[in-house]
Amino acid sequence: METPTTDPYEYTVAGSPVAVLHTDGTDIIEILPLPGGRTLESSLTEITKGQARSLIRSLQAAIDEEDA
């Protein structure tokens, strides 16, 4: 019997340089480039303090939801 797949929920906070996604029931958080053609590496090579704070909030939201 195959396990049903669930689409990941996006926890990306405005201002984050990347997208943060998590699928319920897993302990994996995906970090993906935002639409627009940039790679993940180029999205994270240089970020402002504001973008870093937004990324932290995005990750924390995904962690908190899993722990709830």
PDB file of N, CA and C in Angstrom:
ATOM      1  N   MET A   1       0.839  -1.175   0.000  1.00  0.00           N
ATOM      2  CA  MET A   1       0.000   0.000   0.000  1.00  0.00           C
ATOM      3  C   MET A   1       0.887   1.242   0.000  1.00  0.00           C
ATOM      4  N   GLU A   2       0.599   2.143  -0.877  1.00  0.00           N
ATOM      5  CA  GLU A   2       1.400   3.356  -1.018  1.00  0.00           C
ATOM      6  C   GLU A   2       0.914   4.431  -0.056  1.00  0.00           C
ATOM      7  N   THR A   3       1.877   5.108   0.573  1.00  0.00           N
ATOM      8  CA  THR A   3       1.541   6.193   1.490  1.00  0.00           C
ATOM      9  C   THR A   3       1.054   7.396   0.693  1.00  0.00           C
ATOM     10  N   PRO A   4      -0.092   7.966   1.066  1.00  0.00           N
ATOM     11  CA  PRO A   4      -0.570   9.140   0.319  1.00  0.00           C
ATOM     12  C   PRO A   4       0.388  10.304   0.490  1.00  0.00           C
ATOM     13  N   THR A   5       0.576  11.040  -0.562  1.00  0.00           N
ATOM     14  CA  THR A   5       1.457  12.202  -0.499  1.00  0.00           C
ATOM     15  C   THR A   5       0.623  13.448  -0.227  1.00  0.00           C
ATOM     16  N   THR A   6       1.198  14.348   0.523  1.00  0.00           N
ATOM     17  CA  THR A   6       0.550  15.603   0.858  1.00  0.00           C
ATOM     18  C   THR A   6       1.410  16.732   0.304  1.00  0.00           C
ATOM     19  N   ASP A   7       0.774  17.725  -0.253  1.00  0.00           N
ATOM     20  CA  ASP A   7       1.532  18.862  -0.752  1.00  0.00           C
ATOM     21  C   ASP A   7       2.132  19.622   0.416  1.00  0.00           C
ATOM     22  N   PRO A   8       3.364  20.106   0.258  1.00  0.00           N
ATOM     23  CA  PRO A   8       3.979  20.870   1.342  1.00  0.00           C
ATOM     24  C   PRO A   8       3.284  22.218   1.522  1.00  0.00           C
ATOM     25  N   TYR A   9       3.298  22.702   2.750  1.00  0.00           N
ATOM     26  CA  TYR A   9       2.740  24.007   3.061  1.00  0.00           C
ATOM     27  C   TYR A   9       3.885  25.008   3.089  1.00  0.00           C
ATOM     28  N   GLU A  10       3.657  26.169   2.502  1.00  0.00           N
ATOM     29  CA  GLU A  10       4.703  27.187   2.434  1.00  0.00           C
ATOM     30  C   GLU A  10       4.629  28.100   3.657  1.00  0.00           C
ATOM     31  N   TYR A  11       5.761  28.283   4.304  1.00  0.00           N
ATOM     32  CA  TYR A  11       5.874  29.125   5.493  1.00  0.00           C
ATOM     33  C   TYR A  11       6.695  30.383   5.223  1.00  0.00           C
ATOM     34  N   THR A  12       6.898  30.721   3.978  1.00  0.00           N
ATOM     35  CA  THR A  12       7.738  31.847   3.614  1.00  0.00           C
ATOM     36  C   THR A  12       7.147  33.163   4.111  1.00  0.00           C
ATOM     37  N   VAL A  13       7.942  33.898   4.861  1.00  0.00           N
ATOM     38  CA  VAL A  13       7.555  35.206   5.374  1.00  0.00           C
ATOM     39  C   VAL A  13       8.006  36.256   4.354  1.00  0.00           C
ATOM     40  N   ALA A  14       7.203  37.310   4.185  1.00  0.00           N
ATOM     41  CA  ALA A  14       7.570  38.384   3.258  1.00  0.00           C
ATOM     42  C   ALA A  14       8.975  38.882   3.587  1.00  0.00           C
ATOM     43  N   GLY A  15       9.777  39.033   2.567  1.00  0.00           N
ATOM     44  CA  GLY A  15      11.133  39.529   2.742  1.00  0.00           C
ATOM     45  C   GLY A  15      12.179  38.432   2.790  1.00  0.00           C
ATOM     46  N   SER A  16      11.734  37.177   2.921  1.00  0.00           N
ATOM     47  CA  SER A  16      12.689  36.069   2.947  1.00  0.00           C
ATOM     48  C   SER A  16      13.307  35.908   1.558  1.00  0.00           C
ATOM     49  N   PRO A  17      14.618  35.640   1.495  1.00  0.00           N
ATOM     50  CA  PRO A  17      15.264  35.491   0.188  1.00  0.00           C
ATOM     51  C   PRO A  17      14.991  34.150  -0.481  1.00  0.00           C
ATOM     52  N   VAL A  18      14.380  33.213   0.249  1.00  0.00           N
ATOM     53  CA  VAL A  18      14.078  31.882  -0.285  1.00  0.00           C
ATOM     54  C   VAL A  18      12.712  31.425   0.217  1.00  0.00           C
ATOM     55  N   ALA A  19      12.182  30.389  -0.413  1.00  0.00           N
ATOM     56  CA  ALA A  19      10.913  29.801   0.019  1.00  0.00           C
ATOM     57  C   ALA A  19      11.189  28.699   1.037  1.00  0.00           C
ATOM     58  N   VAL A  20      10.336  28.609   2.049  1.00  0.00           N
ATOM     59  CA  VAL A  20      10.456  27.592   3.093  1.00  0.00           C
ATOM     60  C   VAL A  20       9.168  26.775   3.090  1.00  0.00           C
ATOM     61  N   LEU A  21       9.300  25.456   2.878  1.00  0.00           N
ATOM     62  CA  LEU A  21       8.143  24.578   2.803  1.00  0.00           C
ATOM     63  C   LEU A  21       8.313  23.381   3.730  1.00  0.00           C
ATOM     64  N   HIS A  22       7.181  22.857   4.196  1.00  0.00           N
ATOM     65  CA  HIS A  22       7.195  21.673   5.057  1.00  0.00           C
ATOM     66  C   HIS A  22       5.955  20.843   4.775  1.00  0.00           C
ATOM     67  N   THR A  23       6.137  19.533   4.709  1.00  0.00           N
ATOM     68  CA  THR A  23       5.023  18.613   4.527  1.00  0.00           C
ATOM     69  C   THR A  23       4.685  18.001   5.870  1.00  0.00           C
ATOM     70  N   ASP A  24       3.410  18.059   6.261  1.00  0.00           N
ATOM     71  CA  ASP A  24       2.968  17.488   7.531  1.00  0.00           C
ATOM     72  C   ASP A  24       3.413  16.036   7.655  1.00  0.00           C
ATOM     73  N   GLY A  25       3.802  15.678   8.873  1.00  0.00           N
ATOM     74  CA  GLY A  25       4.162  14.302   9.145  1.00  0.00           C
ATOM     75  C   GLY A  25       5.600  13.950   8.812  1.00  0.00           C
ATOM     76  N   THR A  26       6.372  14.905   8.344  1.00  0.00           N
ATOM     77  CA  THR A  26       7.785  14.665   8.057  1.00  0.00           C
ATOM     78  C   THR A  26       8.621  15.607   8.913  1.00  0.00           C
ATOM     79  N   ASP A  27       9.912  15.317   9.017  1.00  0.00           N
ATOM     80  CA  ASP A  27      10.794  16.231   9.730  1.00  0.00           C
ATOM     81  C   ASP A  27      11.713  16.981   8.765  1.00  0.00           C
ATOM     82  N   ILE A  28      11.325  17.018   7.505  1.00  0.00           N
ATOM     83  CA  ILE A  28      12.113  17.690   6.468  1.00  0.00           C
ATOM     84  C   ILE A  28      11.516  19.052   6.152  1.00  0.00           C
ATOM     85  N   ILE A  29      12.360  20.082   6.178  1.00  0.00           N
ATOM     86  CA  ILE A  29      11.978  21.429   5.751  1.00  0.00           C
ATOM     87  C   ILE A  29      12.726  21.710   4.455  1.00  0.00           C
ATOM     88  N   GLU A  30      11.985  22.058   3.435  1.00  0.00           N
ATOM     89  CA  GLU A  30      12.585  22.361   2.138  1.00  0.00           C
ATOM     90  C   GLU A  30      12.886  23.847   2.037  1.00  0.00           C
ATOM     91  N   ILE A  31      14.047  24.170   1.503  1.00  0.00           N
ATOM     92  CA  ILE A  31      14.430  25.552   1.228  1.00  0.00           C
ATOM     93  C   ILE A  31      14.681  25.622  -0.269  1.00  0.00           C
ATOM     94  N   LEU A  32      13.864  26.418  -0.949  1.00  0.00           N
ATOM     95  CA  LEU A  32      13.902  26.500  -2.411  1.00  0.00           C
ATOM     96  C   LEU A  32      14.076  27.939  -2.862  1.00  0.00           C
ATOM     97  N   PRO A  33      14.620  28.134  -4.058  1.00  0.00           N
ATOM     98  CA  PRO A  33      14.705  29.504  -4.567  1.00  0.00           C
ATOM     99  C   PRO A  33      13.308  30.046  -4.856  1.00  0.00           C
ATOM    100  N   LEU A  34      13.143  31.324  -4.708  1.00  0.00           N
ATOM    101  CA  LEU A  34      11.889  31.971  -5.065  1.00  0.00           C
ATOM    102  C   LEU A  34      11.765  32.011  -6.587  1.00  0.00           C
ATOM    103  N   PRO A  35      10.555  32.072  -7.107  1.00  0.00           N
ATOM    104  CA  PRO A  35      10.388  32.187  -8.558  1.00  0.00           C
ATOM    105  C   PRO A  35      11.106  33.432  -9.077  1.00  0.00           C
ATOM    106  N   GLY A  36      11.679  33.323 -10.232  1.00  0.00           N
ATOM    107  CA  GLY A  36      12.337  34.472 -10.829  1.00  0.00           C
ATOM    108  C   GLY A  36      13.681  34.139 -11.443  1.00  0.00           C
ATOM    109  N   GLY A  37      14.082  32.878 -11.370  1.00  0.00           N
ATOM    110  CA  GLY A  37      15.276  32.475 -12.081  1.00  0.00           C
ATOM    111  C   GLY A  37      16.551  32.406 -11.265  1.00  0.00           C
ATOM    112  N   ARG A  38      16.559  32.875 -10.025  1.00  0.00           N
ATOM    113  CA  ARG A  38      17.762  32.792  -9.216  1.00  0.00           C
ATOM    114  C   ARG A  38      17.930  31.369  -8.690  1.00  0.00           C
ATOM    115  N   THR A  39      19.170  30.977  -8.497  1.00  0.00           N
ATOM    116  CA  THR A  39      19.428  29.675  -7.896  1.00  0.00           C
ATOM    117  C   THR A  39      19.390  29.810  -6.382  1.00  0.00           C
ATOM    118  N   LEU A  40      19.310  28.702  -5.696  1.00  0.00           N
ATOM    119  CA  LEU A  40      19.319  28.720  -4.240  1.00  0.00           C
ATOM    120  C   LEU A  40      20.614  29.333  -3.727  1.00  0.00           C
ATOM    121  N   GLU A  41      21.714  28.941  -4.325  1.00  0.00           N
ATOM    122  CA  GLU A  41      23.018  29.474  -3.911  1.00  0.00           C
ATOM    123  C   GLU A  41      23.090  30.990  -4.076  1.00  0.00           C
ATOM    124  N   SER A  42      22.658  31.496  -5.220  1.00  0.00           N
ATOM    125  CA  SER A  42      22.730  32.945  -5.427  1.00  0.00           C
ATOM    126  C   SER A  42      21.732  33.687  -4.548  1.00  0.00           C
ATOM    127  N   SER A  43      20.655  33.011  -4.151  1.00  0.00           N
ATOM    128  CA  SER A  43      19.675  33.638  -3.266  1.00  0.00           C
ATOM    129  C   SER A  43      20.211  33.794  -1.847  1.00  0.00           C
ATOM    130  N   LEU A  44      21.157  32.945  -1.468  1.00  0.00           N
ATOM    131  CA  LEU A  44      21.668  32.954  -0.099  1.00  0.00           C
ATOM    132  C   LEU A  44      23.091  33.469   0.047  1.00  0.00           C
ATOM    133  N   THR A  45      23.770  33.730  -1.071  1.00  0.00           N
ATOM    134  CA  THR A  45      25.158  34.161  -1.007  1.00  0.00           C
ATOM    135  C   THR A  45      25.324  35.448  -0.221  1.00  0.00           C
ATOM    136  N   GLU A  46      24.506  36.421  -0.503  1.00  0.00           N
ATOM    137  CA  GLU A  46      24.520  37.690   0.226  1.00  0.00           C
ATOM    138  C   GLU A  46      23.097  38.083   0.530  1.00  0.00           C
ATOM    139  N   ILE A  47      22.786  38.218   1.820  1.00  0.00           N
ATOM    140  CA  ILE A  47      21.454  38.660   2.212  1.00  0.00           C
ATOM    141  C   ILE A  47      21.585  39.753   3.261  1.00  0.00           C
ATOM    142  N   THR A  48      20.605  40.605   3.294  1.00  0.00           N
ATOM    143  CA  THR A  48      20.602  41.685   4.274  1.00  0.00           C
ATOM    144  C   THR A  48      20.170  41.149   5.640  1.00  0.00           C
ATOM    145  N   LYS A  49      20.370  41.953   6.661  1.00  0.00           N
ATOM    146  CA  LYS A  49      19.915  41.550   7.997  1.00  0.00           C
ATOM    147  C   LYS A  49      18.399  41.363   8.007  1.00  0.00           C
ATOM    148  N   GLY A  50      17.679  42.217   7.296  1.00  0.00           N
ATOM    149  CA  GLY A  50      16.223  42.087   7.214  1.00  0.00           C
ATOM    150  C   GLY A  50      15.814  40.778   6.555  1.00  0.00           C
ATOM    151  N   GLN A  51      16.503  40.403   5.482  1.00  0.00           N
ATOM    152  CA  GLN A  51      16.206  39.137   4.815  1.00  0.00           C
ATOM    153  C   GLN A  51      16.545  37.965   5.732  1.00  0.00           C
ATOM    154  N   ALA A  52      17.635  38.083   6.478  1.00  0.00           N
ATOM    155  CA  ALA A  52      18.014  37.022   7.413  1.00  0.00           C
ATOM    156  C   ALA A  52      16.940  36.855   8.490  1.00  0.00           C
ATOM    157  N   ARG A  53      16.435  37.962   9.006  1.00  0.00           N
ATOM    158  CA  ARG A  53      15.374  37.889  10.013  1.00  0.00           C
ATOM    159  C   ARG A  53      14.117  37.232   9.441  1.00  0.00           C
ATOM    160  N   SER A  54      13.773  37.581   8.205  1.00  0.00           N
ATOM    161  CA  SER A  54      12.600  36.987   7.553  1.00  0.00           C
ATOM    162  C   SER A  54      12.795  35.490   7.325  1.00  0.00           C
ATOM    163  N   LEU A  55      13.997  35.092   6.948  1.00  0.00           N
ATOM    164  CA  LEU A  55      14.291  33.677   6.754  1.00  0.00           C
ATOM    165  C   LEU A  55      14.180  32.937   8.087  1.00  0.00           C
ATOM    166  N   ILE A  56      14.709  33.517   9.151  1.00  0.00           N
ATOM    167  CA  ILE A  56      14.612  32.900  10.472  1.00  0.00           C
ATOM    168  C   ILE A  56      13.152  32.746  10.882  1.00  0.00           C
ATOM    169  N   ARG A  57      12.338  33.786  10.655  1.00  0.00           N
ATOM    170  CA  ARG A  57      10.908  33.702  10.991  1.00  0.00           C
ATOM    171  C   ARG A  57      10.206  32.630  10.160  1.00  0.00           C
ATOM    172  N   SER A  58      10.586  32.494   8.899  1.00  0.00           N
ATOM    173  CA  SER A  58      10.001  31.465   8.035  1.00  0.00           C
ATOM    174  C   SER A  58      10.334  30.073   8.571  1.00  0.00           C
ATOM    175  N   LEU A  59      11.594  29.858   8.901  1.00  0.00           N
ATOM    176  CA  LEU A  59      12.006  28.560   9.432  1.00  0.00           C
ATOM    177  C   LEU A  59      11.340  28.276  10.777  1.00  0.00           C
ATOM    178  N   GLN A  60      11.257  29.294  11.623  1.00  0.00           N
ATOM    179  CA  GLN A  60      10.638  29.112  12.932  1.00  0.00           C
ATOM    180  C   GLN A  60       9.155  28.762  12.794  1.00  0.00           C
ATOM    181  N   ALA A  61       8.484  29.386  11.834  1.00  0.00           N
ATOM    182  CA  ALA A  61       7.065  29.079  11.602  1.00  0.00           C
ATOM    183  C   ALA A  61       6.893  27.621  11.187  1.00  0.00           C
ATOM    184  N   ALA A  62       7.757  27.128  10.337  1.00  0.00           N
ATOM    185  CA  ALA A  62       7.675  25.720   9.902  1.00  0.00           C
ATOM    186  C   ALA A  62       7.965  24.790  11.072  1.00  0.00           C
ATOM    187  N   ILE A  63       8.942  25.116  11.900  1.00  0.00           N
ATOM    188  CA  ILE A  63       9.280  24.289  13.061  1.00  0.00           C
ATOM    189  C   ILE A  63       8.138  24.305  14.075  1.00  0.00           C
ATOM    190  N   ASP A  64       7.630  25.492  14.366  1.00  0.00           N
ATOM    191  CA  ASP A  64       6.551  25.617  15.351  1.00  0.00           C
ATOM    192  C   ASP A  64       5.303  24.855  14.934  1.00  0.00           C
ATOM    193  N   GLU A  65       4.972  24.887  13.651  1.00  0.00           N
ATOM    194  CA  GLU A  65       3.780  24.190  13.165  1.00  0.00           C
ATOM    195  C   GLU A  65       3.952  22.674  13.333  1.00  0.00           C
ATOM    196  N   GLU A  66       5.140  22.182  13.072  1.00  0.00           N
ATOM    197  CA  GLU A  66       5.393  20.747  13.210  1.00  0.00           C
ATOM    198  C   GLU A  66       5.320  20.340  14.670  1.00  0.00           C
ATOM    199  N   ASP A  67       5.771  21.182  15.576  1.00  0.00           N
ATOM    200  CA  ASP A  67       5.771  20.871  17.001  1.00  0.00           C
ATOM    201  C   ASP A  67       4.388  21.017  17.632  1.00  0.00           C
ATOM    202  N   ALA A  68       3.463  21.697  16.937  1.00  0.00           N
ATOM    203  CA  ALA A  68       2.129  21.942  17.503  1.00  0.00           C
ATOM    204  C   ALA A  68       1.275  20.702  17.518  1.00  0.00           C
TER     205      ALA A  68
END
